[in-house]
Amino acid sequence: MRFITVLSKLFAPGKLGKLEIKNRIIQAPMGTFSYNDESVPSQQTIDYFIERAKGGVGLIICHGVRATPESQVQGIPNLYEDKYIPIMAKISDAILGEPQKVFSFWRKT
């Protein structure tokens, strides 16, 4: 019976500081390596995150993004020039159609 009580807390709303999430299921960041040669996310990337969002995750921590051109990590999207913002916004907008929170982290080097 204790297992069921603990498990039910997993699906209950929670808080991380001031951030409220609909449940305590959190997806850790994962690289999808579905980007073009300029490290711009593809439709496959967008679809990947939409499916995770539809699955009911309370918080999605997206992949990291490269914050400077000097960061030469393959498979991580760029966000150091304005031209990259529309595609990243497309991912965010698609995910935010579902009821959960989304974070991304930055990689400088």
PDB file of N, CA and C in Angstrom:
ATOM      1  N   MET A   1       0.820  -1.185   0.000  1.00  0.00           N
ATOM      2  CA  MET A   1       0.000   0.000   0.000  1.00  0.00           C
ATOM      3  C   MET A   1       0.869   1.256   0.000  1.00  0.00           C
ATOM      4  N   ARG A   2       2.015   1.238   0.659  1.00  0.00           N
ATOM      5  CA  ARG A   2       2.911   2.393   0.704  1.00  0.00           C
ATOM      6  C   ARG A   2       3.394   2.743  -0.699  1.00  0.00           C
ATOM      7  N   PHE A   3       3.644   1.751  -1.536  1.00  0.00           N
ATOM      8  CA  PHE A   3       4.099   1.987  -2.909  1.00  0.00           C
ATOM      9  C   PHE A   3       3.073   2.829  -3.673  1.00  0.00           C
ATOM     10  N   ILE A   4       1.820   2.528  -3.515  1.00  0.00           N
ATOM     11  CA  ILE A   4       0.762   3.268  -4.204  1.00  0.00           C
ATOM     12  C   ILE A   4       0.726   4.713  -3.715  1.00  0.00           C
ATOM     13  N   THR A   5       0.931   4.923  -2.410  1.00  0.00           N
ATOM     14  CA  THR A   5       0.944   6.279  -1.859  1.00  0.00           C
ATOM     15  C   THR A   5       2.104   7.074  -2.451  1.00  0.00           C
ATOM     16  N   VAL A   6       3.283   6.477  -2.514  1.00  0.00           N
ATOM     17  CA  VAL A   6       4.455   7.145  -3.073  1.00  0.00           C
ATOM     18  C   VAL A   6       4.234   7.414  -4.560  1.00  0.00           C
ATOM     19  N   LEU A   7       3.705   6.439  -5.273  1.00  0.00           N
ATOM     20  CA  LEU A   7       3.462   6.586  -6.705  1.00  0.00           C
ATOM     21  C   LEU A   7       2.436   7.675  -6.987  1.00  0.00           C
ATOM     22  N   SER A   8       1.430   7.795  -6.152  1.00  0.00           N
ATOM     23  CA  SER A   8       0.417   8.822  -6.381  1.00  0.00           C
ATOM     24  C   SER A   8       1.017  10.228  -6.264  1.00  0.00           C
ATOM     25  N   LYS A   9       2.054  10.391  -5.450  1.00  0.00           N
ATOM     26  CA  LYS A   9       2.714  11.697  -5.342  1.00  0.00           C
ATOM     27  C   LYS A   9       3.415  12.070  -6.644  1.00  0.00           C
ATOM     28  N   LEU A  10       3.838  11.092  -7.397  1.00  0.00           N
ATOM     29  CA  LEU A  10       4.493  11.332  -8.682  1.00  0.00           C
ATOM     30  C   LEU A  10       3.563  12.070  -9.640  1.00  0.00           C
ATOM     31  N   PHE A  11       2.293  11.778  -9.575  1.00  0.00           N
ATOM     32  CA  PHE A  11       1.310  12.376 -10.478  1.00  0.00           C
ATOM     33  C   PHE A  11       0.609  13.605  -9.888  1.00  0.00           C
ATOM     34  N   ALA A  12       0.964  13.960  -8.667  1.00  0.00           N
ATOM     35  CA  ALA A  12       0.386  15.138  -8.029  1.00  0.00           C
ATOM     36  C   ALA A  12       1.148  16.390  -8.469  1.00  0.00           C
ATOM     37  N   PRO A  13       0.493  17.543  -8.485  1.00  0.00           N
ATOM     38  CA  PRO A  13       1.204  18.782  -8.805  1.00  0.00           C
ATOM     39  C   PRO A  13       2.377  19.003  -7.855  1.00  0.00           C
ATOM     40  N   GLY A  14       3.385  19.700  -8.348  1.00  0.00           N
ATOM     41  CA  GLY A  14       4.556  19.970  -7.519  1.00  0.00           C
ATOM     42  C   GLY A  14       5.099  21.358  -7.782  1.00  0.00           C
ATOM     43  N   LYS A  15       6.111  21.726  -7.012  1.00  0.00           N
ATOM     44  CA  LYS A  15       6.750  23.031  -7.161  1.00  0.00           C
ATOM     45  C   LYS A  15       8.255  22.848  -7.146  1.00  0.00           C
ATOM     46  N   LEU A  16       8.924  23.633  -7.981  1.00  0.00           N
ATOM     47  CA  LEU A  16      10.377  23.756  -7.967  1.00  0.00           C
ATOM     48  C   LEU A  16      10.645  25.232  -7.721  1.00  0.00           C
ATOM     49  N   GLY A  17      10.913  25.573  -6.482  1.00  0.00           N
ATOM     50  CA  GLY A  17      10.986  26.986  -6.140  1.00  0.00           C
ATOM     51  C   GLY A  17       9.616  27.607  -6.333  1.00  0.00           C
ATOM     52  N   LYS A  18       9.526  28.627  -7.184  1.00  0.00           N
ATOM     53  CA  LYS A  18       8.243  29.269  -7.465  1.00  0.00           C
ATOM     54  C   LYS A  18       7.542  28.667  -8.679  1.00  0.00           C
ATOM     55  N   LEU A  19       8.211  27.784  -9.358  1.00  0.00           N
ATOM     56  CA  LEU A  19       7.648  27.170 -10.562  1.00  0.00           C
ATOM     57  C   LEU A  19       6.694  26.044 -10.186  1.00  0.00           C
ATOM     58  N   GLU A  20       5.459  26.145 -10.639  1.00  0.00           N
ATOM     59  CA  GLU A  20       4.475  25.096 -10.395  1.00  0.00           C
ATOM     60  C   GLU A  20       4.394  24.202 -11.617  1.00  0.00           C
ATOM     61  N   ILE A  21       4.416  22.888 -11.402  1.00  0.00           N
ATOM     62  CA  ILE A  21       4.293  21.930 -12.500  1.00  0.00           C
ATOM     63  C   ILE A  21       3.118  21.003 -12.225  1.00  0.00           C
ATOM     64  N   LYS A  22       2.516  20.494 -13.313  1.00  0.00           N
ATOM     65  CA  LYS A  22       1.277  19.722 -13.171  1.00  0.00           C
ATOM     66  C   LYS A  22       1.487  18.351 -12.537  1.00  0.00           C
ATOM     67  N   ASN A  23       2.695  17.805 -12.644  1.00  0.00           N
ATOM     68  CA  ASN A  23       3.054  16.558 -11.972  1.00  0.00           C
ATOM     69  C   ASN A  23       4.555  16.553 -11.755  1.00  0.00           C
ATOM     70  N   ARG A  24       5.071  15.522 -11.145  1.00  0.00           N
ATOM     71  CA  ARG A  24       6.492  15.486 -10.784  1.00  0.00           C
ATOM     72  C   ARG A  24       7.310  14.639 -11.747  1.00  0.00           C
ATOM     73  N   ILE A  25       6.776  14.430 -12.933  1.00  0.00           N
ATOM     74  CA  ILE A  25       7.501  13.694 -13.961  1.00  0.00           C
ATOM     75  C   ILE A  25       8.323  14.704 -14.757  1.00  0.00           C
ATOM     76  N   ILE A  26       9.634  14.523 -14.742  1.00  0.00           N
ATOM     77  CA  ILE A  26      10.541  15.463 -15.397  1.00  0.00           C
ATOM     78  C   ILE A  26      11.382  14.706 -16.416  1.00  0.00           C
ATOM     79  N   GLN A  27      11.388  15.228 -17.641  1.00  0.00           N
ATOM     80  CA  GLN A  27      12.221  14.628 -18.685  1.00  0.00           C
ATOM     81  C   GLN A  27      13.573  15.318 -18.671  1.00  0.00           C
ATOM     82  N   ALA A  28      14.608  14.542 -18.484  1.00  0.00           N
ATOM     83  CA  ALA A  28      15.968  15.078 -18.508  1.00  0.00           C
ATOM     84  C   ALA A  28      16.343  15.484 -19.929  1.00  0.00           C
ATOM     85  N   PRO A  29      17.317  16.384 -20.086  1.00  0.00           N
ATOM     86  CA  PRO A  29      17.723  16.799 -21.431  1.00  0.00           C
ATOM     87  C   PRO A  29      18.338  15.636 -22.200  1.00  0.00           C
ATOM     88  N   MET A  30      17.964  15.551 -23.459  1.00  0.00           N
ATOM     89  CA  MET A  30      18.488  14.498 -24.337  1.00  0.00           C
ATOM     90  C   MET A  30      18.778  15.108 -25.692  1.00  0.00           C
ATOM     91  N   GLY A  31      19.903  14.767 -26.259  1.00  0.00           N
ATOM     92  CA  GLY A  31      20.203  15.216 -27.615  1.00  0.00           C
ATOM     93  C   GLY A  31      19.493  14.324 -28.618  1.00  0.00           C
ATOM     94  N   THR A  32      18.878  14.933 -29.619  1.00  0.00           N
ATOM     95  CA  THR A  32      18.194  14.152 -30.645  1.00  0.00           C
ATOM     96  C   THR A  32      19.057  13.998 -31.887  1.00  0.00           C
ATOM     97  N   PHE A  33      20.066  14.838 -32.033  1.00  0.00           N
ATOM     98  CA  PHE A  33      20.972  14.823 -33.190  1.00  0.00           C
ATOM     99  C   PHE A  33      20.196  14.849 -34.498  1.00  0.00           C
ATOM    100  N   SER A  34      19.110  15.603 -34.516  1.00  0.00           N
ATOM    101  CA  SER A  34      18.273  15.724 -35.713  1.00  0.00           C
ATOM    102  C   SER A  34      18.295  17.167 -36.214  1.00  0.00           C
ATOM    103  N   TYR A  35      19.496  17.639 -36.488  1.00  0.00           N
ATOM    104  CA  TYR A  35      19.711  19.014 -36.922  1.00  0.00           C
ATOM    105  C   TYR A  35      20.396  19.014 -38.277  1.00  0.00           C
ATOM    106  N   ASN A  36      20.288  20.132 -39.006  1.00  0.00           N
ATOM    107  CA  ASN A  36      20.974  20.212 -40.289  1.00  0.00           C
ATOM    108  C   ASN A  36      22.446  20.589 -40.076  1.00  0.00           C
ATOM    109  N   ASP A  37      23.171  20.835 -41.168  1.00  0.00           N
ATOM    110  CA  ASP A  37      24.604  21.123 -41.071  1.00  0.00           C
ATOM    111  C   ASP A  37      24.926  22.400 -40.311  1.00  0.00           C
ATOM    112  N   GLU A  38      23.960  23.314 -40.211  1.00  0.00           N
ATOM    113  CA  GLU A  38      24.158  24.556 -39.466  1.00  0.00           C
ATOM    114  C   GLU A  38      23.655  24.434 -38.027  1.00  0.00           C
ATOM    115  N   SER A  39      23.391  23.226 -37.589  1.00  0.00           N
ATOM    116  CA  SER A  39      22.869  22.947 -36.239  1.00  0.00           C
ATOM    117  C   SER A  39      21.526  23.607 -35.985  1.00  0.00           C
ATOM    118  N   VAL A  40      20.690  23.660 -37.009  1.00  0.00           N
ATOM    119  CA  VAL A  40      19.333  24.173 -36.883  1.00  0.00           C
ATOM    120  C   VAL A  40      18.395  22.975 -36.732  1.00  0.00           C
ATOM    121  N   PRO A  41      17.527  22.965 -35.723  1.00  0.00           N
ATOM    122  CA  PRO A  41      16.617  21.833 -35.522  1.00  0.00           C
ATOM    123  C   PRO A  41      15.720  21.586 -36.738  1.00  0.00           C
ATOM    124  N   SER A  42      15.468  20.326 -37.008  1.00  0.00           N
ATOM    125  CA  SER A  42      14.621  19.919 -38.131  1.00  0.00           C
ATOM    126  C   SER A  42      13.182  19.698 -37.656  1.00  0.00           C
ATOM    127  N   GLN A  43      12.315  19.400 -38.591  1.00  0.00           N
ATOM    128  CA  GLN A  43      10.930  19.055 -38.234  1.00  0.00           C
ATOM    129  C   GLN A  43      10.904  17.815 -37.350  1.00  0.00           C
ATOM    130  N   GLN A  44      11.854  16.903 -37.559  1.00  0.00           N
ATOM    131  CA  GLN A  44      11.954  15.704 -36.723  1.00  0.00           C
ATOM    132  C   GLN A  44      12.180  16.096 -35.255  1.00  0.00           C
ATOM    133  N   THR A  45      12.990  17.120 -35.033  1.00  0.00           N
ATOM    134  CA  THR A  45      13.234  17.608 -33.671  1.00  0.00           C
ATOM    135  C   THR A  45      11.953  18.155 -33.061  1.00  0.00           C
ATOM    136  N   ILE A  46      11.251  18.958 -33.830  1.00  0.00           N
ATOM    137  CA  ILE A  46       9.990  19.540 -33.354  1.00  0.00           C
ATOM    138  C   ILE A  46       9.006  18.428 -33.006  1.00  0.00           C
ATOM    139  N   ASP A  47       8.871  17.461 -33.890  1.00  0.00           N
ATOM    140  CA  ASP A  47       7.953  16.338 -33.656  1.00  0.00           C
ATOM    141  C   ASP A  47       8.338  15.543 -32.408  1.00  0.00           C
ATOM    142  N   TYR A  48       9.636  15.370 -32.188  1.00  0.00           N
ATOM    143  CA  TYR A  48      10.132  14.646 -31.014  1.00  0.00           C
ATOM    144  C   TYR A  48       9.632  15.311 -29.728  1.00  0.00           C
ATOM    145  N   PHE A  49       9.806  16.630 -29.629  1.00  0.00           N
ATOM    146  CA  PHE A  49       9.396  17.325 -28.408  1.00  0.00           C
ATOM    147  C   PHE A  49       7.886  17.415 -28.273  1.00  0.00           C
ATOM    148  N   ILE A  50       7.177  17.499 -29.372  1.00  0.00           N
ATOM    149  CA  ILE A  50       5.710  17.484 -29.302  1.00  0.00           C
ATOM    150  C   ILE A  50       5.230  16.155 -28.715  1.00  0.00           C
ATOM    151  N   GLU A  51       5.816  15.058 -29.158  1.00  0.00           N
ATOM    152  CA  GLU A  51       5.420  13.745 -28.628  1.00  0.00           C
ATOM    153  C   GLU A  51       5.723  13.627 -27.141  1.00  0.00           C
ATOM    154  N   ARG A  52       6.862  14.145 -26.702  1.00  0.00           N
ATOM    155  CA  ARG A  52       7.183  14.112 -25.263  1.00  0.00           C
ATOM    156  C   ARG A  52       6.147  14.930 -24.494  1.00  0.00           C
ATOM    157  N   ALA A  53       5.770  16.084 -25.041  1.00  0.00           N
ATOM    158  CA  ALA A  53       4.797  16.948 -24.357  1.00  0.00           C
ATOM    159  C   ALA A  53       3.435  16.277 -24.268  1.00  0.00           C
ATOM    160  N   LYS A  54       3.025  15.606 -25.330  1.00  0.00           N
ATOM    161  CA  LYS A  54       1.732  14.918 -25.326  1.00  0.00           C
ATOM    162  C   LYS A  54       1.697  13.777 -24.333  1.00  0.00           C
ATOM    163  N   GLY A  55       2.856  13.264 -23.972  1.00  0.00           N
ATOM    164  CA  GLY A  55       2.931  12.133 -23.056  1.00  0.00           C
ATOM    165  C   GLY A  55       2.607  12.485 -21.617  1.00  0.00           C
ATOM    166  N   GLY A  56       2.422  13.757 -21.318  1.00  0.00           N
ATOM    167  CA  GLY A  56       2.008  14.140 -19.971  1.00  0.00           C
ATOM    168  C   GLY A  56       3.127  14.507 -19.020  1.00  0.00           C
ATOM    169  N   VAL A  57       4.347  14.712 -19.522  1.00  0.00           N
ATOM    170  CA  VAL A  57       5.467  15.097 -18.677  1.00  0.00           C
ATOM    171  C   VAL A  57       5.192  16.473 -18.072  1.00  0.00           C
ATOM    172  N   GLY A  58       5.453  16.638 -16.778  1.00  0.00           N
ATOM    173  CA  GLY A  58       5.200  17.911 -16.103  1.00  0.00           C
ATOM    174  C   GLY A  58       6.231  18.975 -16.425  1.00  0.00           C
ATOM    175  N   LEU A  59       7.473  18.563 -16.691  1.00  0.00           N
ATOM    176  CA  LEU A  59       8.546  19.496 -17.008  1.00  0.00           C
ATOM    177  C   LEU A  59       9.457  18.835 -18.032  1.00  0.00           C
ATOM    178  N   ILE A  60       9.714  19.539 -19.123  1.00  0.00           N
ATOM    179  CA  ILE A  60      10.645  19.053 -20.133  1.00  0.00           C
ATOM    180  C   ILE A  60      11.873  19.947 -20.099  1.00  0.00           C
ATOM    181  N   ILE A  61      13.031  19.358 -19.892  1.00  0.00           N
ATOM    182  CA  ILE A  61      14.282  20.095 -19.988  1.00  0.00           C
ATOM    183  C   ILE A  61      14.849  19.739 -21.357  1.00  0.00           C
ATOM    184  N   CYS A  62      14.760  20.686 -22.273  1.00  0.00           N
ATOM    185  CA  CYS A  62      15.217  20.457 -23.648  1.00  0.00           C
ATOM    186  C   CYS A  62      16.735  20.355 -23.697  1.00  0.00           C
ATOM    187  N   HIS A  63      17.214  20.038 -24.848  1.00  0.00           N
ATOM    188  CA  HIS A  63      18.645  19.975 -25.119  1.00  0.00           C
ATOM    189  C   HIS A  63      19.288  21.322 -24.827  1.00  0.00           C
ATOM    190  N   GLY A  64      20.587  21.320 -24.716  1.00  0.00           N
ATOM    191  CA  GLY A  64      21.306  22.574 -24.578  1.00  0.00           C
ATOM    192  C   GLY A  64      21.366  23.285 -25.916  1.00  0.00           C
ATOM    193  N   VAL A  65      21.707  24.536 -25.878  1.00  0.00           N
ATOM    194  CA  VAL A  65      21.907  25.307 -27.101  1.00  0.00           C
ATOM    195  C   VAL A  65      23.276  25.974 -27.025  1.00  0.00           C
ATOM    196  N   ARG A  66      23.873  26.159 -28.178  1.00  0.00           N
ATOM    197  CA  ARG A  66      25.180  26.814 -28.217  1.00  0.00           C
ATOM    198  C   ARG A  66      24.963  28.326 -28.164  1.00  0.00           C
ATOM    199  N   ALA A  67      25.555  28.971 -27.184  1.00  0.00           N
ATOM    200  CA  ALA A  67      25.357  30.403 -26.980  1.00  0.00           C
ATOM    201  C   ALA A  67      26.414  31.242 -27.684  1.00  0.00           C
ATOM    202  N   THR A  68      27.493  30.637 -28.136  1.00  0.00           N
ATOM    203  CA  THR A  68      28.549  31.363 -28.844  1.00  0.00           C
ATOM    204  C   THR A  68      29.037  30.521 -30.024  1.00  0.00           C
ATOM    205  N   PRO A  69      29.568  31.165 -31.070  1.00  0.00           N
ATOM    206  CA  PRO A  69      30.095  30.404 -32.211  1.00  0.00           C
ATOM    207  C   PRO A  69      31.304  29.554 -31.834  1.00  0.00           C
ATOM    208  N   GLU A  70      31.991  29.920 -30.762  1.00  0.00           N
ATOM    209  CA  GLU A  70      33.186  29.169 -30.347  1.00  0.00           C
ATOM    210  C   GLU A  70      32.841  27.787 -29.800  1.00  0.00           C
ATOM    211  N   SER A  71      31.626  27.598 -29.387  1.00  0.00           N
ATOM    212  CA  SER A  71      31.196  26.304 -28.863  1.00  0.00           C
ATOM    213  C   SER A  71      31.020  25.356 -30.041  1.00  0.00           C
ATOM    214  N   GLN A  72      31.919  24.445 -30.197  1.00  0.00           N
ATOM    215  CA  GLN A  72      31.932  23.558 -31.364  1.00  0.00           C
ATOM    216  C   GLN A  72      31.439  22.152 -31.013  1.00  0.00           C
ATOM    217  N   VAL A  73      30.300  22.066 -30.414  1.00  0.00           N
ATOM    218  CA  VAL A  73      29.737  20.768 -30.046  1.00  0.00           C
ATOM    219  C   VAL A  73      28.723  20.368 -31.112  1.00  0.00           C
ATOM    220  N   GLN A  74      28.978  19.279 -31.805  1.00  0.00           N
ATOM    221  CA  GLN A  74      28.062  18.815 -32.843  1.00  0.00           C
ATOM    222  C   GLN A  74      26.782  18.286 -32.224  1.00  0.00           C
ATOM    223  N   GLY A  75      25.673  18.489 -32.922  1.00  0.00           N
ATOM    224  CA  GLY A  75      24.396  17.953 -32.470  1.00  0.00           C
ATOM    225  C   GLY A  75      23.669  18.817 -31.469  1.00  0.00           C
ATOM    226  N   ILE A  76      24.220  19.993 -31.172  1.00  0.00           N
ATOM    227  CA  ILE A  76      23.560  20.925 -30.262  1.00  0.00           C
ATOM    228  C   ILE A  76      23.171  22.147 -31.078  1.00  0.00           C
ATOM    229  N   PRO A  77      21.910  22.584 -31.011  1.00  0.00           N
ATOM    230  CA  PRO A  77      21.472  23.709 -31.839  1.00  0.00           C
ATOM    231  C   PRO A  77      22.129  25.033 -31.444  1.00  0.00           C
ATOM    232  N   ASN A  78      22.227  25.899 -32.439  1.00  0.00           N
ATOM    233  CA  ASN A  78      22.778  27.240 -32.229  1.00  0.00           C
ATOM    234  C   ASN A  78      21.687  28.183 -31.762  1.00  0.00           C
ATOM    235  N   LEU A  79      22.078  29.178 -30.985  1.00  0.00           N
ATOM    236  CA  LEU A  79      21.165  30.249 -30.620  1.00  0.00           C
ATOM    237  C   LEU A  79      21.944  31.553 -30.423  1.00  0.00           C
ATOM    238  N   TYR A  80      23.113  31.642 -31.042  1.00  0.00           N
ATOM    239  CA  TYR A  80      23.941  32.826 -30.852  1.00  0.00           C
ATOM    240  C   TYR A  80      23.709  33.912 -31.893  1.00  0.00           C
ATOM    241  N   GLU A  81      22.860  33.656 -32.875  1.00  0.00           N
ATOM    242  CA  GLU A  81      22.488  34.672 -33.854  1.00  0.00           C
ATOM    243  C   GLU A  81      20.958  34.711 -33.944  1.00  0.00           C
ATOM    244  N   ASP A  82      20.427  35.881 -34.239  1.00  0.00           N
ATOM    245  CA  ASP A  82      18.977  36.047 -34.314  1.00  0.00           C
ATOM    246  C   ASP A  82      18.317  35.124 -35.324  1.00  0.00           C
ATOM    247  N   LYS A  83      19.041  34.717 -36.355  1.00  0.00           N
ATOM    248  CA  LYS A  83      18.439  33.866 -37.384  1.00  0.00           C
ATOM    249  C   LYS A  83      18.003  32.506 -36.835  1.00  0.00           C
ATOM    250  N   TYR A  84      18.524  32.105 -35.677  1.00  0.00           N
ATOM    251  CA  TYR A  84      18.165  30.810 -35.091  1.00  0.00           C
ATOM    252  C   TYR A  84      16.914  30.889 -34.213  1.00  0.00           C
ATOM    253  N   ILE A  85      16.544  32.086 -33.815  1.00  0.00           N
ATOM    254  CA  ILE A  85      15.434  32.248 -32.878  1.00  0.00           C
ATOM    255  C   ILE A  85      14.096  31.752 -33.430  1.00  0.00           C
ATOM    256  N   PRO A  86      13.728  32.025 -34.692  1.00  0.00           N
ATOM    257  CA  PRO A  86      12.418  31.560 -35.171  1.00  0.00           C
ATOM    258  C   PRO A  86      12.208  30.053 -35.080  1.00  0.00           C
ATOM    259  N   ILE A  87      13.225  29.262 -35.424  1.00  0.00           N
ATOM    260  CA  ILE A  87      13.038  27.801 -35.354  1.00  0.00           C
ATOM    261  C   ILE A  87      12.955  27.333 -33.906  1.00  0.00           C
ATOM    262  N   MET A  88      13.733  27.951 -32.999  1.00  0.00           N
ATOM    263  CA  MET A  88      13.646  27.563 -31.596  1.00  0.00           C
ATOM    264  C   MET A  88      12.295  27.984 -31.022  1.00  0.00           C
ATOM    265  N   ALA A  89      11.779  29.123 -31.484  1.00  0.00           N
ATOM    266  CA  ALA A  89      10.447  29.569 -31.058  1.00  0.00           C
ATOM    267  C   ALA A  89       9.379  28.606 -31.564  1.00  0.00           C
ATOM    268  N   LYS A  90       9.595  28.056 -32.756  1.00  0.00           N
ATOM    269  CA  LYS A  90       8.647  27.086 -33.307  1.00  0.00           C
ATOM    270  C   LYS A  90       8.571  25.845 -32.415  1.00  0.00           C
ATOM    271  N   ILE A  91       9.709  25.395 -31.935  1.00  0.00           N
ATOM    272  CA  ILE A  91       9.730  24.245 -31.014  1.00  0.00           C
ATOM    273  C   ILE A  91       8.999  24.611 -29.730  1.00  0.00           C
ATOM    274  N   SER A  92       9.336  25.754 -29.164  1.00  0.00           N
ATOM    275  CA  SER A  92       8.713  26.192 -27.918  1.00  0.00           C
ATOM    276  C   SER A  92       7.205  26.335 -28.077  1.00  0.00           C
ATOM    277  N   ASP A  93       6.769  26.979 -29.158  1.00  0.00           N
ATOM    278  CA  ASP A  93       5.340  27.166 -29.385  1.00  0.00           C
ATOM    279  C   ASP A  93       4.615  25.836 -29.536  1.00  0.00           C
ATOM    280  N   ALA A  94       5.244  24.888 -30.226  1.00  0.00           N
ATOM    281  CA  ALA A  94       4.619  23.574 -30.422  1.00  0.00           C
ATOM    282  C   ALA A  94       4.467  22.838 -29.096  1.00  0.00           C
ATOM    283  N   ILE A  95       5.495  22.895 -28.276  1.00  0.00           N
ATOM    284  CA  ILE A  95       5.464  22.206 -26.987  1.00  0.00           C
ATOM    285  C   ILE A  95       4.474  22.876 -26.042  1.00  0.00           C
ATOM    286  N   LEU A  96       4.453  24.206 -26.060  1.00  0.00           N
ATOM    287  CA  LEU A  96       3.609  24.926 -25.118  1.00  0.00           C
ATOM    288  C   LEU A  96       2.131  24.811 -25.443  1.00  0.00           C
ATOM    289  N   GLY A  97       1.793  24.128 -26.537  1.00  0.00           N
ATOM    290  CA  GLY A  97       0.401  23.811 -26.810  1.00  0.00           C
ATOM    291  C   GLY A  97      -0.105  22.742 -25.848  1.00  0.00           C
ATOM    292  N   GLU A  98       0.822  22.129 -25.125  1.00  0.00           N
ATOM    293  CA  GLU A  98       0.491  21.109 -24.136  1.00  0.00           C
ATOM    294  C   GLU A  98       0.710  21.714 -22.744  1.00  0.00           C
ATOM    295  N   PRO A  99       0.026  21.176 -21.722  1.00  0.00           N
ATOM    296  CA  PRO A  99       0.091  21.804 -20.388  1.00  0.00           C
ATOM    297  C   PRO A  99       1.302  21.393 -19.550  1.00  0.00           C
ATOM    298  N   GLN A 100       2.470  21.860 -19.877  1.00  0.00           N
ATOM    299  CA  GLN A 100       3.640  21.628 -19.046  1.00  0.00           C
ATOM    300  C   GLN A 100       4.628  22.760 -19.226  1.00  0.00           C
ATOM    301  N   LYS A 101       5.691  22.727 -18.474  1.00  0.00           N
ATOM    302  CA  LYS A 101       6.730  23.751 -18.527  1.00  0.00           C
ATOM    303  C   LYS A 101       7.910  23.209 -19.326  1.00  0.00           C
ATOM    304  N   VAL A 102       8.675  24.127 -19.931  1.00  0.00           N
ATOM    305  CA  VAL A 102       9.815  23.753 -20.758  1.00  0.00           C
ATOM    306  C   VAL A 102      11.009  24.613 -20.389  1.00  0.00           C
ATOM    307  N   PHE A 103      12.168  23.983 -20.264  1.00  0.00           N
ATOM    308  CA  PHE A 103      13.420  24.691 -20.033  1.00  0.00           C
ATOM    309  C   PHE A 103      14.436  24.231 -21.051  1.00  0.00           C
ATOM    310  N   SER A 104      15.393  25.077 -21.325  1.00  0.00           N
ATOM    311  CA  SER A 104      16.551  24.703 -22.114  1.00  0.00           C
ATOM    312  C   SER A 104      17.751  25.220 -21.356  1.00  0.00           C
ATOM    313  N   PHE A 105      18.908  24.648 -21.610  1.00  0.00           N
ATOM    314  CA  PHE A 105      20.105  25.174 -20.959  1.00  0.00           C
ATOM    315  C   PHE A 105      21.097  25.592 -22.019  1.00  0.00           C
ATOM    316  N   TRP A 106      21.972  26.503 -21.635  1.00  0.00           N
ATOM    317  CA  TRP A 106      22.921  27.098 -22.569  1.00  0.00           C
ATOM    318  C   TRP A 106      24.292  26.491 -22.371  1.00  0.00           C
ATOM    319  N   ARG A 107      25.004  26.345 -23.449  1.00  0.00           N
ATOM    320  CA  ARG A 107      26.381  25.851 -23.391  1.00  0.00           C
ATOM    321  C   ARG A 107      27.268  26.905 -24.031  1.00  0.00           C
ATOM    322  N   LYS A 108      28.175  27.449 -23.250  1.00  0.00           N
ATOM    323  CA  LYS A 108      29.045  28.494 -23.775  1.00  0.00           C
ATOM    324  C   LYS A 108      30.298  27.902 -24.411  1.00  0.00           C
ATOM    325  N   THR A 109      30.837  26.838 -23.867  1.00  0.00           N
ATOM    326  CA  THR A 109      32.057  26.259 -24.442  1.00  0.00           C
ATOM    327  C   THR A 109      31.885  24.806 -24.724  1.00  0.00           C
TER     328      THR A 109
END
